[in-house]
Amino acid sequence: MNLLLASASPRRKQLLLAAGVSLSGIRAPAIDESPRPGERPLAYVRRMAREKALAILAEEPLLTADTVVHQAGVIFDKPRDPEHARQLLSGLSGRWHQVSTAWALRQPGGDPQVRVCTSRVLFRHLSPAEVEAYVLLGEGADKAGGYAVQGLGASLVDRVSGSYTNVIGLPLPQVLEHLALAGIHPSVELP
């Protein structure tokens, strides 16, 4: 059974295809992704996954996802500009933070089933020169928290507790389990 991926993230597409999930297409929902005043990170990410699933009409199973980096209840969004990227990375330096991904699976005509996975990430202590060098690379410019753990941003990370693929943008084992419960199985068996 094919799956429609409602996400503009090339990383989510790559993860699903690498796991053998057949995608019928990719459509990015157009919704307002602004957090509501006082909205907590987990409530926000759940709402985003649900709203994205409801924003697209599909005649096949639909998967959406949203990832948020947060620390002490504060959302570390995508950097607005290089100065904001420096602030984000400096705020994460030497500290633990959480990466939460909510995904929603919606069958045609049904309500979205939303799940969440949270991983903990410890950044090593970063010097101002390291922060500046990473910002100048531009790798984290469109990523929550301002870094990409699947790229050179891996050098910023000391430890990941929980799902590593969640930190990339989709907790693959948990999503595959959710898909299997809905009768959607990878087209190739993994060893």
C-alpha atoms as a PDB file:
ATOM      1  CA  MET A   1       0.000   0.000   0.000  1.00  0.00           C
ATOM      2  CA  ASN A   2       1.336   3.428  -0.939  1.00  0.00           C
ATOM      3  CA  LEU A   3       1.558   6.382   1.383  1.00  0.00           C
ATOM      4  CA  LEU A   4       1.220  10.085   0.628  1.00  0.00           C
ATOM      5  CA  LEU A   5       3.859  12.079   2.504  1.00  0.00           C
ATOM      6  CA  ALA A   6       2.595  15.516   3.469  1.00  0.00           C
ATOM      7  CA  SER A   7       5.930  17.106   4.294  1.00  0.00           C
ATOM      8  CA  ALA A   8       8.404  19.375   2.529  1.00  0.00           C
ATOM      9  CA  SER A   9      11.296  17.784   4.446  1.00  0.00           C
ATOM     10  CA  PRO A  10      13.726  15.960   2.157  1.00  0.00           C
ATOM     11  CA  ARG A  11      15.081  14.165   5.238  1.00  0.00           C
ATOM     12  CA  ARG A  12      11.716  12.560   6.011  1.00  0.00           C
ATOM     13  CA  LYS A  13      11.379  11.449   2.411  1.00  0.00           C
ATOM     14  CA  GLN A  14      14.891   9.951   2.449  1.00  0.00           C
ATOM     15  CA  LEU A  15      14.305   8.104   5.718  1.00  0.00           C
ATOM     16  CA  LEU A  16      11.016   6.559   4.536  1.00  0.00           C
ATOM     17  CA  LEU A  17      12.376   5.569   1.123  1.00  0.00           C
ATOM     18  CA  ALA A  18      15.512   4.067   2.687  1.00  0.00           C
ATOM     19  CA  ALA A  19      13.230   1.935   4.887  1.00  0.00           C
ATOM     20  CA  GLY A  20      11.377   0.659   1.816  1.00  0.00           C
ATOM     21  CA  VAL A  21       8.151   2.622   2.277  1.00  0.00           C
ATOM     22  CA  SER A  22       6.448   3.251  -1.081  1.00  0.00           C
ATOM     23  CA  LEU A  23       5.398   6.860  -1.479  1.00  0.00           C
ATOM     24  CA  SER A  24       2.661   7.772  -3.928  1.00  0.00           C
ATOM     25  CA  GLY A  25       3.662  11.412  -3.756  1.00  0.00           C
ATOM     26  CA  ILE A  26       4.715  14.338  -1.644  1.00  0.00           C
ATOM     27  CA  ARG A  27       2.540  17.355  -0.906  1.00  0.00           C
ATOM     28  CA  ALA A  28       3.471  20.004   1.608  1.00  0.00           C
ATOM     29  CA  PRO A  29       0.483  21.437   3.460  1.00  0.00           C
ATOM     30  CA  ALA A  30       0.148  25.201   3.555  1.00  0.00           C
ATOM     31  CA  ILE A  31      -0.753  26.085   7.141  1.00  0.00           C
ATOM     32  CA  ASP A  32       0.219  28.732   9.663  1.00  0.00           C
ATOM     33  CA  GLU A  33       2.959  27.138  11.767  1.00  0.00           C
ATOM     34  CA  SER A  34       3.140  29.870  14.402  1.00  0.00           C
ATOM     35  CA  PRO A  35       3.006  28.717  18.007  1.00  0.00           C
ATOM     36  CA  ARG A  36       0.050  30.054  19.978  1.00  0.00           C
ATOM     37  CA  PRO A  37       0.799  32.322  22.944  1.00  0.00           C
ATOM     38  CA  GLY A  38       1.871  30.169  25.879  1.00  0.00           C
ATOM     39  CA  GLU A  39       1.680  26.940  23.859  1.00  0.00           C
ATOM     40  CA  ARG A  40       4.000  24.262  25.250  1.00  0.00           C
ATOM     41  CA  PRO A  41       6.363  22.431  22.852  1.00  0.00           C
ATOM     42  CA  LEU A  42       4.584  19.036  22.909  1.00  0.00           C
ATOM     43  CA  ALA A  43       1.145  20.590  22.492  1.00  0.00           C
ATOM     44  CA  TYR A  44       2.494  22.680  19.620  1.00  0.00           C
ATOM     45  CA  VAL A  45       4.125  19.794  17.747  1.00  0.00           C
ATOM     46  CA  ARG A  46       1.024  17.581  18.161  1.00  0.00           C
ATOM     47  CA  ARG A  47      -1.189  20.380  16.866  1.00  0.00           C
ATOM     48  CA  MET A  48       1.068  20.948  13.866  1.00  0.00           C
ATOM     49  CA  ALA A  49       1.055  17.260  12.853  1.00  0.00           C
ATOM     50  CA  ARG A  50      -2.735  17.121  13.217  1.00  0.00           C
ATOM     51  CA  GLU A  51      -3.407  20.359  11.352  1.00  0.00           C
ATOM     52  CA  LYS A  52      -1.102  19.307   8.518  1.00  0.00           C
ATOM     53  CA  ALA A  53      -2.990  16.004   8.222  1.00  0.00           C
ATOM     54  CA  LEU A  54      -6.322  17.813   8.062  1.00  0.00           C
ATOM     55  CA  ALA A  55      -5.076  20.368   5.514  1.00  0.00           C
ATOM     56  CA  ILE A  56      -4.702  17.861   2.661  1.00  0.00           C
ATOM     57  CA  LEU A  57      -7.494  15.821   1.136  1.00  0.00           C
ATOM     58  CA  ALA A  58      -6.240  12.434   0.029  1.00  0.00           C
ATOM     59  CA  GLU A  59      -7.756   9.192  -1.213  1.00  0.00           C
ATOM     60  CA  GLU A  60      -4.913   7.183   0.301  1.00  0.00           C
ATOM     61  CA  PRO A  61      -3.168   7.002   3.666  1.00  0.00           C
ATOM     62  CA  LEU A  62      -1.444  10.248   4.524  1.00  0.00           C
ATOM     63  CA  LEU A  63       1.538  10.839   6.828  1.00  0.00           C
ATOM     64  CA  THR A  64       2.531  14.234   8.234  1.00  0.00           C
ATOM     65  CA  ALA A  65       5.161  15.179  10.778  1.00  0.00           C
ATOM     66  CA  ASP A  66       6.562  18.140  12.611  1.00  0.00           C
ATOM     67  CA  THR A  67       9.740  18.409  14.683  1.00  0.00           C
ATOM     68  CA  VAL A  68      10.531  20.882  17.425  1.00  0.00           C
ATOM     69  CA  VAL A  69      13.715  21.499  19.408  1.00  0.00           C
ATOM     70  CA  HIS A  70      12.992  22.650  22.929  1.00  0.00           C
ATOM     71  CA  GLN A  71      14.612  23.284  26.261  1.00  0.00           C
ATOM     72  CA  ALA A  72      12.894  24.122  29.560  1.00  0.00           C
ATOM     73  CA  GLY A  73       9.579  24.683  27.773  1.00  0.00           C
ATOM     74  CA  VAL A  74      11.068  27.092  25.212  1.00  0.00           C
ATOM     75  CA  ILE A  75      10.868  26.257  21.493  1.00  0.00           C
ATOM     76  CA  PHE A  76      14.108  26.720  19.542  1.00  0.00           C
ATOM     77  CA  ASP A  77      12.670  27.421  16.094  1.00  0.00           C
ATOM     78  CA  LYS A  78      14.434  27.619  12.730  1.00  0.00           C
ATOM     79  CA  PRO A  79      16.900  30.512  12.661  1.00  0.00           C
ATOM     80  CA  ARG A  80      15.494  33.750  11.246  1.00  0.00           C
ATOM     81  CA  ASP A  81      18.958  35.006  10.317  1.00  0.00           C
ATOM     82  CA  PRO A  82      22.655  34.332  11.146  1.00  0.00           C
ATOM     83  CA  GLU A  83      22.474  36.274  14.431  1.00  0.00           C
ATOM     84  CA  HIS A  84      19.497  34.221  15.577  1.00  0.00           C
ATOM     85  CA  ALA A  85      21.388  31.035  14.572  1.00  0.00           C
ATOM     86  CA  ARG A  86      24.297  32.121  16.793  1.00  0.00           C
ATOM     87  CA  GLN A  87      21.893  32.685  19.699  1.00  0.00           C
ATOM     88  CA  LEU A  88      20.266  29.266  19.236  1.00  0.00           C
ATOM     89  CA  LEU A  89      23.559  27.367  19.104  1.00  0.00           C
ATOM     90  CA  SER A  90      25.034  29.317  22.018  1.00  0.00           C
ATOM     91  CA  GLY A  91      21.904  28.542  24.049  1.00  0.00           C
ATOM     92  CA  LEU A  92      22.304  24.821  23.345  1.00  0.00           C
ATOM     93  CA  SER A  93      26.061  24.751  23.983  1.00  0.00           C
ATOM     94  CA  GLY A  94      27.036  22.417  26.831  1.00  0.00           C
ATOM     95  CA  ARG A  95      23.421  21.653  27.690  1.00  0.00           C
ATOM     96  CA  TRP A  96      20.783  18.982  27.205  1.00  0.00           C
ATOM     97  CA  HIS A  97      17.756  19.763  25.080  1.00  0.00           C
ATOM     98  CA  GLN A  98      14.851  17.774  23.681  1.00  0.00           C
ATOM     99  CA  VAL A  99      13.855  17.056  20.105  1.00  0.00           C
ATOM    100  CA  SER A 100      10.208  16.060  19.755  1.00  0.00           C
ATOM    101  CA  THR A 101       8.596  14.842  16.558  1.00  0.00           C
ATOM    102  CA  ALA A 102       4.868  14.370  16.233  1.00  0.00           C
ATOM    103  CA  TRP A 103       3.534  12.446  13.279  1.00  0.00           C
ATOM    104  CA  ALA A 104      -0.023  11.936  12.162  1.00  0.00           C
ATOM    105  CA  LEU A 105      -1.329   9.057  10.088  1.00  0.00           C
ATOM    106  CA  ARG A 106      -4.706   9.637   8.484  1.00  0.00           C
ATOM    107  CA  GLN A 107      -6.693   7.102   6.521  1.00  0.00           C
ATOM    108  CA  PRO A 108      -9.051   8.499   3.841  1.00  0.00           C
ATOM    109  CA  GLY A 109     -12.043  10.045   5.558  1.00  0.00           C
ATOM    110  CA  GLY A 110     -10.690   9.312   9.033  1.00  0.00           C
ATOM    111  CA  ASP A 111      -9.329  11.327  11.911  1.00  0.00           C
ATOM    112  CA  PRO A 112      -5.547  11.722  12.189  1.00  0.00           C
ATOM    113  CA  GLN A 113      -3.861   9.382  14.662  1.00  0.00           C
ATOM    114  CA  VAL A 114      -1.115  11.446  16.288  1.00  0.00           C
ATOM    115  CA  ARG A 115       1.935  10.058  18.091  1.00  0.00           C
ATOM    116  CA  VAL A 116       4.989  11.787  19.576  1.00  0.00           C
ATOM    117  CA  CYS A 117       8.577  10.734  20.161  1.00  0.00           C
ATOM    118  CA  THR A 118      11.057  12.756  22.220  1.00  0.00           C
ATOM    119  CA  SER A 119      14.826  12.320  22.228  1.00  0.00           C
ATOM    120  CA  ARG A 120      17.332  14.082  24.450  1.00  0.00           C
ATOM    121  CA  VAL A 121      20.441  15.652  22.930  1.00  0.00           C
ATOM    122  CA  LEU A 122      23.528  16.923  24.741  1.00  0.00           C
ATOM    123  CA  PHE A 123      25.626  19.512  22.922  1.00  0.00           C
ATOM    124  CA  ARG A 124      29.286  19.691  23.779  1.00  0.00           C
ATOM    125  CA  HIS A 125      30.626  23.073  24.933  1.00  0.00           C
ATOM    126  CA  LEU A 126      31.055  25.203  21.827  1.00  0.00           C
ATOM    127  CA  SER A 127      33.507  28.074  21.529  1.00  0.00           C
ATOM    128  CA  PRO A 128      32.305  31.284  19.882  1.00  0.00           C
ATOM    129  CA  ALA A 129      34.587  30.436  16.921  1.00  0.00           C
ATOM    130  CA  GLU A 130      32.917  27.003  16.524  1.00  0.00           C
ATOM    131  CA  VAL A 131      29.468  28.581  16.640  1.00  0.00           C
ATOM    132  CA  GLU A 132      30.508  31.166  14.050  1.00  0.00           C
ATOM    133  CA  ALA A 133      32.069  28.553  11.738  1.00  0.00           C
ATOM    134  CA  TYR A 134      28.939  26.399  11.840  1.00  0.00           C
ATOM    135  CA  VAL A 135      26.633  29.360  11.225  1.00  0.00           C
ATOM    136  CA  LEU A 136      28.745  30.401   8.219  1.00  0.00           C
ATOM    137  CA  LEU A 137      28.327  26.895   6.753  1.00  0.00           C
ATOM    138  CA  GLY A 138      24.593  27.581   6.517  1.00  0.00           C
ATOM    139  CA  GLU A 139      23.769  23.908   7.128  1.00  0.00           C
ATOM    140  CA  GLY A 140      21.353  24.639   9.966  1.00  0.00           C
ATOM    141  CA  ALA A 141      19.641  27.637   8.385  1.00  0.00           C
ATOM    142  CA  ASP A 142      16.376  25.769   7.726  1.00  0.00           C
ATOM    143  CA  LYS A 143      16.500  23.359  10.675  1.00  0.00           C
ATOM    144  CA  ALA A 144      14.787  23.517  14.053  1.00  0.00           C
ATOM    145  CA  GLY A 145      17.379  24.524  16.633  1.00  0.00           C
ATOM    146  CA  GLY A 146      19.736  25.696  13.893  1.00  0.00           C
ATOM    147  CA  TYR A 147      21.654  22.436  13.386  1.00  0.00           C
ATOM    148  CA  ALA A 148      21.568  19.252  11.310  1.00  0.00           C
ATOM    149  CA  VAL A 149      22.702  16.174  13.241  1.00  0.00           C
ATOM    150  CA  GLN A 150      22.867  14.160   9.999  1.00  0.00           C
ATOM    151  CA  GLY A 151      25.508  16.542   8.610  1.00  0.00           C
ATOM    152  CA  LEU A 152      28.442  18.430  10.029  1.00  0.00           C
ATOM    153  CA  GLY A 153      26.184  19.351  12.939  1.00  0.00           C
ATOM    154  CA  ALA A 154      26.967  15.891  14.329  1.00  0.00           C
ATOM    155  CA  SER A 155      30.257  17.399  15.520  1.00  0.00           C
ATOM    156  CA  LEU A 156      28.287  19.686  17.858  1.00  0.00           C
ATOM    157  CA  VAL A 157      26.598  16.772  19.634  1.00  0.00           C
ATOM    158  CA  ASP A 158      28.115  14.869  22.541  1.00  0.00           C
ATOM    159  CA  ARG A 159      25.247  12.408  23.124  1.00  0.00           C
ATOM    160  CA  VAL A 160      21.793  11.412  21.932  1.00  0.00           C
ATOM    161  CA  SER A 161      19.460   9.588  24.282  1.00  0.00           C
ATOM    162  CA  GLY A 162      16.564   7.987  22.422  1.00  0.00           C
ATOM    163  CA  SER A 163      15.860   7.825  18.707  1.00  0.00           C
ATOM    164  CA  TYR A 164      18.648   9.231  16.540  1.00  0.00           C
ATOM    165  CA  THR A 165      16.410   9.380  13.460  1.00  0.00           C
ATOM    166  CA  ASN A 166      13.967  11.447  15.508  1.00  0.00           C
ATOM    167  CA  VAL A 167      16.652  14.112  15.800  1.00  0.00           C
ATOM    168  CA  ILE A 168      16.920  14.039  11.987  1.00  0.00           C
ATOM    169  CA  GLY A 169      13.160  14.569  11.719  1.00  0.00           C
ATOM    170  CA  LEU A 170      11.302  11.244  11.923  1.00  0.00           C
ATOM    171  CA  PRO A 171      11.562   8.476  14.554  1.00  0.00           C
ATOM    172  CA  LEU A 172      11.692   5.748  11.938  1.00  0.00           C
ATOM    173  CA  PRO A 173      11.205   2.607  14.100  1.00  0.00           C
ATOM    174  CA  GLN A 174       8.158   4.097  15.831  1.00  0.00           C
ATOM    175  CA  VAL A 175       6.668   5.411  12.578  1.00  0.00           C
ATOM    176  CA  LEU A 176       7.182   2.056  10.822  1.00  0.00           C
ATOM    177  CA  GLU A 177       5.428   0.314  13.723  1.00  0.00           C
ATOM    178  CA  HIS A 178       2.519   2.761  13.477  1.00  0.00           C
ATOM    179  CA  LEU A 179       2.313   2.231   9.705  1.00  0.00           C
ATOM    180  CA  ALA A 180       2.362  -1.562  10.145  1.00  0.00           C
ATOM    181  CA  LEU A 181      -0.583  -1.377  12.559  1.00  0.00           C
ATOM    182  CA  ALA A 182      -2.455   0.435   9.769  1.00  0.00           C
ATOM    183  CA  GLY A 183      -1.512  -2.252   7.228  1.00  0.00           C
ATOM    184  CA  ILE A 184       1.231  -0.254   5.519  1.00  0.00           C
ATOM    185  CA  HIS A 185       4.432  -2.253   5.233  1.00  0.00           C
ATOM    186  CA  PRO A 186       7.795  -1.531   3.614  1.00  0.00           C
ATOM    187  CA  SER A 187       8.143  -3.028   0.155  1.00  0.00           C
ATOM    188  CA  VAL A 188      11.505  -4.542   1.091  1.00  0.00           C
ATOM    189  CA  GLU A 189      12.351  -6.458   4.208  1.00  0.00           C
ATOM    190  CA  LEU A 190      15.249  -5.139   6.229  1.00  0.00           C
ATOM    191  CA  PRO A 191      17.812  -7.660   7.505  1.00  0.00           C
END
